[in-house]
N, C-alpha and C. Protein backbone atom coordinates (compact mmCIF):
# COMPACT_ATOMS: atom_id res chain seq x y z
N MET A 1 0.83 -1.19 0.00
CA MET A 1 0.00 0.00 0.00
C MET A 1 0.87 1.25 0.00
N ARG A 2 1.92 1.22 0.82
CA ARG A 2 2.80 2.37 0.91
C ARG A 2 3.51 2.62 -0.42
N ARG A 3 3.98 1.53 -1.05
CA ARG A 3 4.66 1.66 -2.33
C ARG A 3 3.72 2.21 -3.39
N GLY A 4 2.48 1.78 -3.43
CA GLY A 4 1.49 2.28 -4.40
C GLY A 4 1.24 3.76 -4.20
N GLY A 5 1.21 4.22 -2.94
CA GLY A 5 1.02 5.64 -2.66
C GLY A 5 2.19 6.47 -3.14
N LEU A 6 3.41 5.95 -2.96
CA LEU A 6 4.59 6.68 -3.42
C LEU A 6 4.63 6.76 -4.94
N VAL A 7 4.22 5.70 -5.61
CA VAL A 7 4.19 5.70 -7.07
C VAL A 7 3.18 6.74 -7.57
N THR A 8 2.02 6.79 -6.95
CA THR A 8 0.99 7.76 -7.33
C THR A 8 1.48 9.18 -7.12
N ILE A 9 2.10 9.44 -5.97
CA ILE A 9 2.63 10.78 -5.69
C ILE A 9 3.73 11.12 -6.70
N GLY A 10 4.58 10.15 -7.03
CA GLY A 10 5.63 10.37 -8.02
C GLY A 10 5.06 10.73 -9.38
N ARG A 11 4.00 10.03 -9.77
CA ARG A 11 3.36 10.33 -11.07
C ARG A 11 2.76 11.73 -11.08
N ILE A 12 2.13 12.11 -10.00
CA ILE A 12 1.54 13.45 -9.91
C ILE A 12 2.63 14.52 -10.01
N LEU A 13 3.74 14.32 -9.28
CA LEU A 13 4.85 15.26 -9.35
C LEU A 13 5.44 15.34 -10.74
N LEU A 14 5.58 14.19 -11.41
CA LEU A 14 6.13 14.15 -12.76
C LEU A 14 5.22 14.91 -13.72
N LEU A 15 3.92 14.72 -13.62
CA LEU A 15 2.98 15.44 -14.47
C LEU A 15 3.05 16.93 -14.22
N GLY A 16 3.18 17.31 -12.95
CA GLY A 16 3.31 18.73 -12.61
C GLY A 16 4.57 19.33 -13.20
N LEU A 17 5.68 18.61 -13.12
CA LEU A 17 6.93 19.11 -13.69
C LEU A 17 6.86 19.21 -15.20
N LEU A 18 6.27 18.23 -15.83
CA LEU A 18 6.13 18.28 -17.28
C LEU A 18 5.23 19.44 -17.71
N GLY A 19 4.19 19.66 -16.96
CA GLY A 19 3.26 20.75 -17.28
C GLY A 19 3.93 22.11 -17.17
N THR A 20 4.76 22.33 -16.16
CA THR A 20 5.43 23.61 -16.03
C THR A 20 6.66 23.70 -16.89
N GLY A 21 7.37 22.63 -17.07
CA GLY A 21 8.61 22.64 -17.86
C GLY A 21 8.37 22.79 -19.33
N LEU A 22 7.22 22.44 -19.82
CA LEU A 22 6.94 22.51 -21.24
C LEU A 22 5.94 23.62 -21.56
N SER A 23 5.86 24.61 -20.69
CA SER A 23 4.97 25.72 -21.02
C SER A 23 5.48 26.37 -22.30
N GLY A 24 4.58 26.80 -23.14
CA GLY A 24 4.97 27.34 -24.43
C GLY A 24 4.71 26.34 -25.55
N CYS A 25 4.44 25.06 -25.22
CA CYS A 25 4.18 24.06 -26.26
C CYS A 25 2.76 24.17 -26.78
N ASP A 26 1.84 24.58 -25.93
CA ASP A 26 0.45 24.57 -26.36
C ASP A 26 0.10 25.89 -27.03
N ASP A 27 -1.03 25.91 -27.71
CA ASP A 27 -1.46 27.09 -28.45
C ASP A 27 -1.79 28.27 -27.55
N GLN A 28 -1.98 28.03 -26.27
CA GLN A 28 -2.33 29.09 -25.34
C GLN A 28 -1.13 29.99 -25.04
N GLU A 29 0.07 29.53 -25.28
CA GLU A 29 1.28 30.26 -24.89
C GLU A 29 1.97 30.92 -26.07
N ALA A 30 1.23 31.30 -27.11
CA ALA A 30 1.85 31.94 -28.27
C ALA A 30 1.85 33.45 -28.06
N PRO A 31 2.71 34.23 -28.67
CA PRO A 31 3.70 33.83 -29.64
C PRO A 31 4.90 33.16 -28.98
N ARG A 32 5.55 32.32 -29.72
CA ARG A 32 6.67 31.56 -29.20
C ARG A 32 8.01 32.23 -29.49
N SER A 33 8.00 33.18 -30.39
CA SER A 33 9.23 33.87 -30.78
C SER A 33 9.39 35.16 -30.00
N LEU A 34 10.62 35.46 -29.67
CA LEU A 34 10.97 36.73 -29.04
C LEU A 34 11.87 37.46 -30.03
N VAL A 35 11.39 38.54 -30.59
CA VAL A 35 12.14 39.30 -31.57
C VAL A 35 12.57 40.61 -30.93
N TYR A 36 13.83 40.97 -31.13
CA TYR A 36 14.33 42.24 -30.60
C TYR A 36 15.27 42.89 -31.62
N VAL A 37 15.47 44.20 -31.46
CA VAL A 37 16.39 44.94 -32.33
C VAL A 37 17.79 44.74 -31.77
N SER A 38 18.67 44.17 -32.57
CA SER A 38 20.03 43.89 -32.11
C SER A 38 21.04 44.93 -32.59
N ARG A 39 20.64 45.77 -33.56
CA ARG A 39 21.59 46.75 -34.09
C ARG A 39 20.85 47.88 -34.78
N ILE A 40 21.32 49.10 -34.57
CA ILE A 40 20.86 50.27 -35.32
C ILE A 40 22.13 50.98 -35.77
N ALA A 41 22.30 51.14 -37.08
CA ALA A 41 23.54 51.72 -37.58
C ALA A 41 23.28 52.56 -38.83
N GLU A 42 24.27 53.37 -39.18
CA GLU A 42 24.15 54.24 -40.35
C GLU A 42 24.43 53.52 -41.66
N SER A 43 25.10 52.38 -41.58
CA SER A 43 25.36 51.62 -42.81
C SER A 43 25.16 50.13 -42.54
N ALA A 44 25.10 49.38 -43.62
CA ALA A 44 24.83 47.94 -43.50
C ALA A 44 25.99 47.19 -42.86
N THR A 45 27.20 47.73 -42.94
CA THR A 45 28.37 46.99 -42.45
C THR A 45 28.83 47.43 -41.07
N GLU A 46 28.36 48.55 -40.58
CA GLU A 46 28.79 49.04 -39.27
C GLU A 46 27.99 48.43 -38.14
N GLN A 47 28.60 48.38 -36.98
CA GLN A 47 27.87 48.01 -35.78
C GLN A 47 27.05 49.23 -35.37
N ASN A 48 26.68 49.34 -34.12
CA ASN A 48 25.94 50.52 -33.65
C ASN A 48 26.87 51.72 -33.80
N SER A 49 26.94 52.25 -35.02
CA SER A 49 27.96 53.21 -35.40
C SER A 49 27.89 54.52 -34.64
N PHE A 50 26.73 54.92 -34.20
CA PHE A 50 26.61 56.20 -33.52
C PHE A 50 26.27 56.03 -32.05
N GLY A 51 26.50 54.84 -31.52
CA GLY A 51 26.14 54.60 -30.12
C GLY A 51 24.64 54.68 -29.97
N ASN A 52 24.19 55.45 -29.03
CA ASN A 52 22.75 55.62 -28.84
C ASN A 52 22.26 56.98 -29.27
N VAL A 53 23.13 57.79 -29.91
CA VAL A 53 22.74 59.11 -30.38
C VAL A 53 23.02 59.21 -31.87
N PHE A 54 21.97 59.48 -32.64
CA PHE A 54 22.09 59.64 -34.09
C PHE A 54 22.20 61.13 -34.38
N LEU A 55 23.21 61.53 -35.17
CA LEU A 55 23.41 62.93 -35.54
C LEU A 55 22.67 63.21 -36.85
N SER A 56 21.65 64.05 -36.77
CA SER A 56 20.84 64.37 -37.94
C SER A 56 21.18 65.77 -38.42
N ASP A 57 21.70 65.85 -39.65
CA ASP A 57 22.02 67.13 -40.27
C ASP A 57 20.74 67.66 -40.91
N ILE A 58 20.24 68.77 -40.41
CA ILE A 58 18.96 69.29 -40.90
C ILE A 58 19.10 69.78 -42.34
N VAL A 59 20.16 70.55 -42.62
CA VAL A 59 20.39 71.09 -43.96
C VAL A 59 21.85 70.85 -44.33
N THR A 60 22.08 70.35 -45.53
CA THR A 60 23.46 70.20 -46.02
C THR A 60 23.67 71.22 -47.14
N GLU A 61 24.89 71.35 -47.59
CA GLU A 61 25.15 72.31 -48.67
C GLU A 61 24.46 71.87 -49.96
N ASP A 62 24.11 70.59 -50.06
CA ASP A 62 23.43 70.08 -51.25
C ASP A 62 21.91 70.05 -51.11
N GLY A 63 21.38 70.37 -49.96
CA GLY A 63 19.93 70.36 -49.77
C GLY A 63 19.53 69.64 -48.50
N VAL A 64 18.31 69.13 -48.51
CA VAL A 64 17.74 68.45 -47.35
C VAL A 64 17.51 66.99 -47.72
N TYR A 65 18.00 66.09 -46.88
CA TYR A 65 17.89 64.66 -47.17
C TYR A 65 17.25 63.91 -46.00
N GLU A 66 16.59 62.83 -46.35
CA GLU A 66 16.06 61.94 -45.31
C GLU A 66 17.21 61.25 -44.60
N ASP A 67 16.99 60.94 -43.32
CA ASP A 67 17.96 60.14 -42.58
C ASP A 67 17.47 58.70 -42.55
N GLU A 68 18.32 57.79 -43.02
CA GLU A 68 17.99 56.37 -43.00
C GLU A 68 18.94 55.65 -42.06
N VAL A 69 18.44 54.59 -41.45
CA VAL A 69 19.27 53.74 -40.59
C VAL A 69 19.02 52.28 -40.95
N TYR A 70 20.01 51.47 -40.65
CA TYR A 70 19.90 50.03 -40.83
C TYR A 70 19.54 49.40 -39.49
N ILE A 71 18.55 48.54 -39.51
CA ILE A 71 18.06 47.88 -38.31
C ILE A 71 18.28 46.38 -38.47
N SER A 72 18.80 45.75 -37.42
CA SER A 72 18.91 44.28 -37.41
C SER A 72 17.96 43.73 -36.36
N PHE A 73 17.23 42.70 -36.75
CA PHE A 73 16.28 42.04 -35.86
C PHE A 73 16.78 40.63 -35.58
N LYS A 74 16.68 40.20 -34.34
CA LYS A 74 17.07 38.84 -33.94
C LYS A 74 15.82 38.13 -33.44
N ASN A 75 15.63 36.88 -33.86
CA ASN A 75 14.48 36.06 -33.47
C ASN A 75 14.98 34.88 -32.65
N VAL A 76 14.62 34.83 -31.39
CA VAL A 76 15.02 33.73 -30.51
C VAL A 76 13.76 33.13 -29.89
N PRO A 77 13.79 31.84 -29.54
CA PRO A 77 12.62 31.23 -28.90
C PRO A 77 12.44 31.77 -27.49
N ARG A 78 11.19 31.92 -27.07
CA ARG A 78 10.90 32.36 -25.70
C ARG A 78 11.27 31.28 -24.68
N SER A 79 11.19 30.02 -25.09
CA SER A 79 11.46 28.91 -24.18
C SER A 79 12.74 28.20 -24.60
N SER A 80 13.60 27.93 -23.63
CA SER A 80 14.84 27.21 -23.92
C SER A 80 14.65 25.69 -23.85
N PHE A 81 13.44 25.25 -23.53
CA PHE A 81 13.18 23.82 -23.38
C PHE A 81 12.98 23.10 -24.71
N LEU A 82 12.65 23.83 -25.75
CA LEU A 82 12.36 23.20 -27.03
C LEU A 82 13.41 23.57 -28.06
N THR A 83 13.66 22.68 -28.99
CA THR A 83 14.64 22.95 -30.03
C THR A 83 13.97 23.65 -31.20
N ILE A 84 14.78 24.36 -31.95
CA ILE A 84 14.26 25.07 -33.12
C ILE A 84 14.40 24.16 -34.33
N ALA A 85 13.30 23.95 -35.02
CA ALA A 85 13.31 23.14 -36.24
C ALA A 85 12.36 23.76 -37.24
N PRO A 86 12.68 23.67 -38.54
CA PRO A 86 11.76 24.20 -39.54
C PRO A 86 10.38 23.56 -39.39
N GLU A 87 9.38 24.39 -39.56
CA GLU A 87 7.99 23.94 -39.44
C GLU A 87 7.67 23.41 -38.05
N GLY A 88 8.51 23.69 -37.06
CA GLY A 88 8.28 23.26 -35.69
C GLY A 88 7.44 24.27 -34.94
N PRO A 89 7.47 24.19 -33.61
CA PRO A 89 6.63 25.06 -32.82
C PRO A 89 7.04 26.52 -32.86
N TYR A 90 8.27 26.81 -33.28
CA TYR A 90 8.70 28.20 -33.40
C TYR A 90 8.68 28.56 -34.87
N GLY A 91 8.16 29.73 -35.17
CA GLY A 91 8.07 30.12 -36.57
C GLY A 91 8.83 31.38 -36.87
N SER A 92 9.01 31.59 -38.14
CA SER A 92 9.57 32.85 -38.58
C SER A 92 8.60 33.96 -38.25
N VAL A 93 9.15 35.15 -38.06
CA VAL A 93 8.33 36.32 -37.78
C VAL A 93 8.38 37.21 -39.01
N VAL A 94 7.23 37.74 -39.38
CA VAL A 94 7.13 38.68 -40.50
C VAL A 94 6.74 40.03 -39.93
N LEU A 95 7.61 41.02 -40.14
CA LEU A 95 7.30 42.39 -39.72
C LEU A 95 6.75 43.13 -40.93
N THR A 96 5.61 43.81 -40.74
CA THR A 96 4.90 44.41 -41.87
C THR A 96 4.78 45.93 -41.80
N ASP A 97 4.88 46.50 -40.61
CA ASP A 97 4.67 47.94 -40.45
C ASP A 97 5.68 48.51 -39.45
N TYR A 98 5.94 49.82 -39.59
CA TYR A 98 6.76 50.47 -38.58
C TYR A 98 6.27 51.89 -38.35
N ARG A 99 6.63 52.40 -37.20
CA ARG A 99 6.24 53.76 -36.80
C ARG A 99 7.39 54.35 -36.00
N VAL A 100 7.69 55.63 -36.25
CA VAL A 100 8.69 56.35 -35.48
C VAL A 100 7.98 57.52 -34.81
N ASP A 101 7.99 57.53 -33.47
CA ASP A 101 7.42 58.63 -32.70
C ASP A 101 8.56 59.39 -32.03
N TYR A 102 8.45 60.71 -32.04
CA TYR A 102 9.50 61.55 -31.49
C TYR A 102 9.01 62.22 -30.21
N ALA A 103 9.86 62.23 -29.20
CA ALA A 103 9.58 62.97 -27.97
C ALA A 103 10.57 64.12 -27.92
N LEU A 104 10.06 65.32 -28.10
CA LEU A 104 10.88 66.53 -28.12
C LEU A 104 10.21 67.54 -27.21
N PRO A 105 10.82 67.85 -26.06
CA PRO A 105 10.17 68.74 -25.08
C PRO A 105 9.72 70.07 -25.69
N GLY A 106 8.43 70.36 -25.55
CA GLY A 106 7.86 71.61 -26.02
C GLY A 106 7.62 71.70 -27.52
N GLU A 107 7.96 70.67 -28.26
CA GLU A 107 7.82 70.69 -29.72
C GLU A 107 7.16 69.39 -30.19
N GLN A 108 6.72 69.41 -31.43
CA GLN A 108 6.13 68.20 -31.99
C GLN A 108 6.65 67.96 -33.41
N ILE A 109 7.11 66.75 -33.66
CA ILE A 109 7.51 66.32 -35.00
C ILE A 109 6.54 65.24 -35.42
N GLU A 110 6.03 65.38 -36.63
CA GLU A 110 5.06 64.40 -37.14
C GLU A 110 5.67 63.00 -37.17
N PRO A 111 4.97 62.00 -36.62
CA PRO A 111 5.52 60.64 -36.64
C PRO A 111 5.59 60.08 -38.06
N ILE A 112 6.47 59.12 -38.24
CA ILE A 112 6.57 58.40 -39.51
C ILE A 112 5.79 57.10 -39.37
N VAL A 113 4.97 56.81 -40.36
CA VAL A 113 4.25 55.53 -40.42
C VAL A 113 4.58 54.92 -41.77
N GLY A 114 5.10 53.69 -41.76
CA GLY A 114 5.51 53.08 -43.02
C GLY A 114 5.30 51.58 -43.06
N LYS A 115 5.47 51.04 -44.24
CA LYS A 115 5.37 49.59 -44.47
C LYS A 115 6.77 49.01 -44.63
N VAL A 116 6.93 47.80 -44.16
CA VAL A 116 8.16 47.04 -44.36
C VAL A 116 7.76 45.60 -44.65
N HIS A 117 8.70 44.85 -45.15
CA HIS A 117 8.50 43.40 -45.26
C HIS A 117 9.83 42.75 -44.86
N VAL A 118 9.89 42.35 -43.61
CA VAL A 118 11.10 41.75 -43.07
C VAL A 118 10.72 40.38 -42.51
N VAL A 119 11.35 39.33 -43.03
CA VAL A 119 11.14 37.98 -42.52
C VAL A 119 12.34 37.65 -41.64
N VAL A 120 12.07 37.34 -40.36
CA VAL A 120 13.13 37.01 -39.42
C VAL A 120 12.97 35.53 -39.05
N PRO A 121 13.76 34.65 -39.66
CA PRO A 121 13.63 33.22 -39.37
C PRO A 121 14.01 32.89 -37.92
N SER A 122 13.48 31.81 -37.42
CA SER A 122 13.78 31.37 -36.06
C SER A 122 15.28 31.18 -35.87
N GLY A 123 15.81 31.72 -34.80
CA GLY A 123 17.22 31.57 -34.47
C GLY A 123 18.16 32.36 -35.35
N GLU A 124 17.64 33.26 -36.15
CA GLU A 124 18.48 34.02 -37.08
C GLU A 124 18.27 35.52 -36.93
N GLU A 125 19.02 36.26 -37.75
CA GLU A 125 18.95 37.71 -37.75
C GLU A 125 18.61 38.19 -39.15
N ALA A 126 17.84 39.26 -39.25
CA ALA A 126 17.50 39.86 -40.54
C ALA A 126 17.74 41.36 -40.46
N ASN A 127 18.12 41.95 -41.58
CA ASN A 127 18.44 43.37 -41.64
C ASN A 127 17.48 44.09 -42.56
N HIS A 128 17.26 45.37 -42.24
CA HIS A 128 16.39 46.19 -43.08
C HIS A 128 16.78 47.65 -42.89
N ARG A 129 16.47 48.47 -43.88
CA ARG A 129 16.75 49.90 -43.81
C ARG A 129 15.42 50.64 -43.72
N ILE A 130 15.36 51.64 -42.83
CA ILE A 130 14.14 52.44 -42.70
C ILE A 130 14.50 53.93 -42.68
N VAL A 131 13.51 54.76 -42.91
CA VAL A 131 13.66 56.20 -42.78
C VAL A 131 13.46 56.56 -41.31
N LEU A 132 14.44 57.23 -40.74
CA LEU A 132 14.35 57.66 -39.33
C LEU A 132 13.80 59.07 -39.23
N VAL A 133 14.20 59.95 -40.15
CA VAL A 133 13.71 61.33 -40.19
C VAL A 133 13.43 61.67 -41.64
N THR A 134 12.23 62.16 -41.93
CA THR A 134 11.88 62.51 -43.30
C THR A 134 12.42 63.90 -43.66
N ALA A 135 12.62 64.13 -44.96
CA ALA A 135 13.01 65.45 -45.43
C ALA A 135 11.89 66.45 -45.14
N TRP A 136 10.65 65.99 -45.22
CA TRP A 136 9.50 66.85 -44.93
C TRP A 136 9.59 67.39 -43.51
N ALA A 137 9.98 66.55 -42.55
CA ALA A 137 10.10 67.00 -41.16
C ALA A 137 11.19 68.05 -41.03
N LYS A 138 12.25 67.94 -41.84
CA LYS A 138 13.37 68.88 -41.75
C LYS A 138 13.05 70.25 -42.33
N VAL A 139 12.12 70.32 -43.30
CA VAL A 139 11.79 71.62 -43.91
C VAL A 139 10.61 72.29 -43.23
N ASN A 140 10.10 71.71 -42.16
CA ASN A 140 8.99 72.28 -41.41
C ASN A 140 9.40 72.47 -39.96
N PRO A 141 8.74 73.44 -39.27
CA PRO A 141 9.06 73.64 -37.84
C PRO A 141 8.74 72.37 -37.05
N PRO A 142 9.47 72.09 -36.02
CA PRO A 142 10.49 72.92 -35.37
C PRO A 142 11.90 72.75 -35.95
N LEU A 143 12.12 71.75 -36.82
CA LEU A 143 13.47 71.50 -37.32
C LEU A 143 13.95 72.62 -38.24
N SER A 144 13.10 73.13 -39.11
CA SER A 144 13.52 74.20 -40.01
C SER A 144 13.86 75.46 -39.22
N THR A 145 13.10 75.73 -38.19
CA THR A 145 13.37 76.89 -37.33
C THR A 145 14.71 76.73 -36.63
N ALA A 146 14.99 75.55 -36.13
CA ALA A 146 16.26 75.29 -35.45
C ALA A 146 17.42 75.49 -36.43
N ALA A 147 17.26 75.06 -37.66
CA ALA A 147 18.34 75.18 -38.65
C ALA A 147 18.63 76.64 -38.97
N THR A 148 17.59 77.45 -39.18
CA THR A 148 17.80 78.86 -39.55
C THR A 148 18.29 79.70 -38.37
N GLN A 149 17.99 79.29 -37.15
CA GLN A 149 18.41 80.05 -35.97
C GLN A 149 19.68 79.49 -35.33
N GLY A 150 20.28 78.48 -35.95
CA GLY A 150 21.51 77.92 -35.42
C GLY A 150 21.33 77.15 -34.11
N GLN A 151 20.14 76.63 -33.87
CA GLN A 151 19.85 75.89 -32.64
C GLN A 151 20.10 74.41 -32.84
N GLU A 152 20.21 73.72 -31.72
CA GLU A 152 20.29 72.27 -31.72
C GLU A 152 19.12 71.72 -30.92
N LEU A 153 18.57 70.61 -31.36
CA LEU A 153 17.46 69.96 -30.67
C LEU A 153 17.82 68.51 -30.40
N MET A 154 17.38 68.00 -29.28
CA MET A 154 17.61 66.59 -28.93
C MET A 154 16.25 65.94 -28.74
N ALA A 155 16.00 64.86 -29.49
CA ALA A 155 14.73 64.15 -29.40
C ALA A 155 14.99 62.68 -29.10
N ASN A 156 14.05 62.06 -28.43
CA ASN A 156 14.08 60.61 -28.22
C ASN A 156 13.05 60.00 -29.16
N ALA A 157 13.48 59.02 -29.92
CA ALA A 157 12.58 58.38 -30.89
C ALA A 157 12.27 56.96 -30.45
N THR A 158 11.00 56.60 -30.55
CA THR A 158 10.55 55.23 -30.31
C THR A 158 10.22 54.61 -31.65
N LEU A 159 10.90 53.52 -31.97
CA LEU A 159 10.66 52.79 -33.22
C LEU A 159 9.82 51.57 -32.86
N THR A 160 8.64 51.47 -33.45
CA THR A 160 7.73 50.36 -33.18
C THR A 160 7.49 49.59 -34.48
N PHE A 161 7.80 48.31 -34.44
CA PHE A 161 7.59 47.43 -35.59
C PHE A 161 6.50 46.43 -35.23
N THR A 162 5.56 46.20 -36.13
CA THR A 162 4.50 45.23 -35.88
C THR A 162 4.46 44.21 -37.01
N GLY A 163 3.96 43.04 -36.67
CA GLY A 163 3.84 41.95 -37.63
C GLY A 163 3.21 40.75 -36.98
N TYR A 164 3.62 39.56 -37.40
CA TYR A 164 3.01 38.34 -36.87
C TYR A 164 4.01 37.19 -36.94
N GLU A 165 3.78 36.20 -36.10
CA GLU A 165 4.56 34.97 -36.14
C GLU A 165 3.88 34.04 -37.15
N GLU A 166 4.65 33.50 -38.08
CA GLU A 166 4.05 32.71 -39.16
C GLU A 166 3.34 31.45 -38.67
N THR A 167 3.96 30.72 -37.75
CA THR A 167 3.38 29.44 -37.32
C THR A 167 2.08 29.64 -36.54
N SER A 168 2.12 30.51 -35.54
CA SER A 168 0.95 30.69 -34.67
C SER A 168 0.02 31.80 -35.15
N GLU A 169 0.50 32.66 -36.06
CA GLU A 169 -0.23 33.82 -36.54
C GLU A 169 -0.52 34.82 -35.43
N GLU A 170 0.23 34.72 -34.33
CA GLU A 170 0.07 35.66 -33.22
C GLU A 170 0.75 36.98 -33.56
N PRO A 171 0.16 38.10 -33.12
CA PRO A 171 0.78 39.40 -33.40
C PRO A 171 2.11 39.57 -32.66
N ILE A 172 3.01 40.29 -33.29
CA ILE A 172 4.33 40.57 -32.71
C ILE A 172 4.52 42.09 -32.71
N VAL A 173 5.04 42.61 -31.62
CA VAL A 173 5.40 44.03 -31.52
C VAL A 173 6.84 44.11 -31.04
N VAL A 174 7.66 44.88 -31.75
CA VAL A 174 9.07 45.05 -31.41
C VAL A 174 9.32 46.54 -31.26
N ARG A 175 9.95 46.95 -30.15
CA ARG A 175 10.26 48.36 -29.93
C ARG A 175 11.75 48.56 -29.73
N ALA A 176 12.22 49.70 -30.21
CA ALA A 176 13.61 50.11 -29.99
C ALA A 176 13.60 51.62 -29.77
N TYR A 177 14.65 52.11 -29.15
CA TYR A 177 14.72 53.52 -28.81
C TYR A 177 16.07 54.08 -29.24
N VAL A 178 16.04 55.32 -29.75
CA VAL A 178 17.28 55.98 -30.15
C VAL A 178 17.11 57.48 -29.93
N SER A 179 18.18 58.14 -29.52
CA SER A 179 18.17 59.60 -29.38
C SER A 179 18.66 60.20 -30.69
N ILE A 180 18.07 61.34 -31.06
CA ILE A 180 18.45 62.02 -32.29
C ILE A 180 18.87 63.44 -31.94
N HIS A 181 20.07 63.81 -32.34
CA HIS A 181 20.61 65.15 -32.12
C HIS A 181 20.49 65.92 -33.43
N PHE A 182 19.53 66.85 -33.49
CA PHE A 182 19.28 67.65 -34.69
C PHE A 182 20.12 68.92 -34.62
N ALA A 183 20.81 69.24 -35.71
CA ALA A 183 21.57 70.49 -35.82
C ALA A 183 21.92 70.72 -37.27
N ASN A 184 22.38 71.90 -37.56
CA ASN A 184 22.90 72.19 -38.89
C ASN A 184 24.40 71.95 -38.82
N TRP A 185 24.77 70.67 -38.90
CA TRP A 185 26.17 70.28 -38.74
C TRP A 185 27.02 70.85 -39.87
N ILE A 186 28.29 71.08 -39.57
CA ILE A 186 29.21 71.61 -40.58
C ILE A 186 29.42 70.56 -41.66
N ASP A 187 29.24 70.99 -42.91
CA ASP A 187 29.42 70.07 -44.04
C ASP A 187 30.90 69.98 -44.38
N GLU A 188 31.41 68.77 -44.55
CA GLU A 188 32.82 68.59 -44.88
C GLU A 188 32.99 68.22 -46.32
């Protein structure tokens, strides 16, 4: 009788451990992918070339240009208990939209809303280029005013990417943050 009770208790404990150890396997625990921004740089070959502050030249001697940055996305599984396999429980993530919102004390810069198509396979990294500051924003206040008056402005930008996980079709949201230093930098 005692041995039968110990076996029953052992089975209950084993089921409990399996239930907690394999969380993320069932459809209730989606999305299974964790996507994050691993790099923001001025070119495709550089690492985080400007650290956490991007220098935006409002006006150059040749005119006004958009500022573009390269973004790298990394897709890793949320659970370390399961292995990554094609067509397995972890799927590629497809990012379809992005938005850049600016926080500038006392001023407002129109946010950027755009489309992207970035496929980030499980366990891998994908790169894409986006517009960080539009030329339109540079020729309108407050940036145009800062350029003509020789002022500098510092803004914090929130980059929000949305999409879905292919396997589960669950929505995915990825956020990154970068500071932007606006000025009429000396042209070399």
